Amino acid sequence: MINRRVVVLLPESLLAEVDRVADQEYSSRSAFIRAAMQHLLDEKRRAEKREKMAFGYQKMGPLNLQLAEEGIG
């Protein structure tokens, strides 16, 4: 994996908090920011999947109900 350097502007208060956590729990500020970004992207993917599943369940609801009623009758 090739790492690229990026410049990000942050408010001082946010950077101070990032540095505090990074010093305690990560090997570096960069490691913390990578982990935080990956976590956010993972959560976004999960949310998108949940939305797609909910849409699918709503779309298939009437058919599932019909099939269930046919099976009961």
Protein backbone atom coordinates (compact mmCIF):
# COMPACT_ATOMS: atom_id res chain seq x y z
CA MET A 1 0.00 0.00 0.00
CA ILE A 2 1.35 3.40 -0.97
CA ASN A 3 0.78 6.14 1.58
CA ARG A 4 0.14 9.67 0.39
CA ARG A 5 0.69 12.81 2.42
CA VAL A 6 -2.34 15.09 2.76
CA VAL A 7 -2.84 18.42 4.46
CA VAL A 8 -5.89 18.81 6.66
CA LEU A 9 -6.85 21.99 8.46
CA LEU A 10 -8.32 21.41 11.93
CA PRO A 11 -9.40 23.69 14.73
CA GLU A 12 -6.80 23.77 17.49
CA SER A 13 -9.20 22.30 20.03
CA LEU A 14 -9.91 19.28 17.80
CA LEU A 15 -6.22 18.76 17.08
CA ALA A 16 -5.45 18.89 20.81
CA GLU A 17 -8.06 16.20 21.48
CA VAL A 18 -6.76 14.08 18.58
CA ASP A 19 -3.22 14.37 19.92
CA ARG A 20 -4.31 13.45 23.44
CA VAL A 21 -6.02 10.25 22.26
CA ALA A 22 -3.31 9.45 19.73
CA ASP A 23 -0.61 9.72 22.40
CA GLN A 24 -2.52 7.38 24.72
CA GLU A 25 -3.87 4.78 22.32
CA TYR A 26 -2.06 4.92 18.96
CA SER A 27 1.48 4.92 17.69
CA SER A 28 1.05 8.32 16.05
CA ARG A 29 -1.38 11.05 15.07
CA SER A 30 -1.46 9.59 11.56
CA ALA A 31 -2.35 6.14 12.89
CA PHE A 32 -5.23 7.62 14.89
CA ILE A 33 -6.54 9.61 11.93
CA ARG A 34 -6.30 6.55 9.63
CA ALA A 35 -8.25 4.46 12.16
CA ALA A 36 -10.87 7.19 12.62
CA MET A 37 -11.34 7.61 8.88
CA GLN A 38 -11.60 3.87 8.34
CA HIS A 39 -14.16 3.59 11.14
CA LEU A 40 -16.27 6.38 9.64
CA LEU A 41 -16.15 4.79 6.18
CA ASP A 42 -17.08 1.38 7.61
CA GLU A 43 -20.05 2.90 9.45
CA LYS A 44 -21.17 4.69 6.30
CA ARG A 45 -21.07 1.41 4.34
CA ARG A 46 -23.09 -0.35 7.06
CA ALA A 47 -25.69 2.42 7.06
CA GLU A 48 -26.00 2.23 3.27
CA LYS A 49 -26.49 -1.54 3.46
CA ARG A 50 -29.16 -1.14 6.17
CA GLU A 51 -31.01 1.39 4.01
CA LYS A 52 -30.91 -0.94 1.00
CA MET A 53 -32.13 -3.86 3.10
CA ALA A 54 -34.97 -1.80 4.59
CA PHE A 55 -36.02 -0.71 1.11
CA GLY A 56 -35.92 -4.32 -0.09
CA TYR A 57 -37.99 -5.55 2.84
CA GLN A 58 -40.58 -2.82 2.23
CA LYS A 59 -40.66 -3.60 -1.48
CA MET A 60 -41.05 -7.35 -0.89
CA GLY A 61 -43.50 -7.01 2.03
CA PRO A 62 -46.71 -7.42 0.04
CA LEU A 63 -45.36 -10.44 -1.84
CA ASN A 64 -44.14 -12.06 1.38
CA LEU A 65 -47.55 -11.49 2.99
CA GLN A 66 -49.31 -13.01 -0.02
CA LEU A 67 -47.04 -16.06 0.02
CA ALA A 68 -47.54 -16.49 3.77
CA GLU A 69 -51.30 -16.25 3.43
CA GLU A 70 -51.29 -18.79 0.61
CA GLY A 71 -49.24 -21.15 2.77
CA ILE A 72 -51.68 -20.83 5.66
CA GLY A 73 -54.83 -21.34 3.58
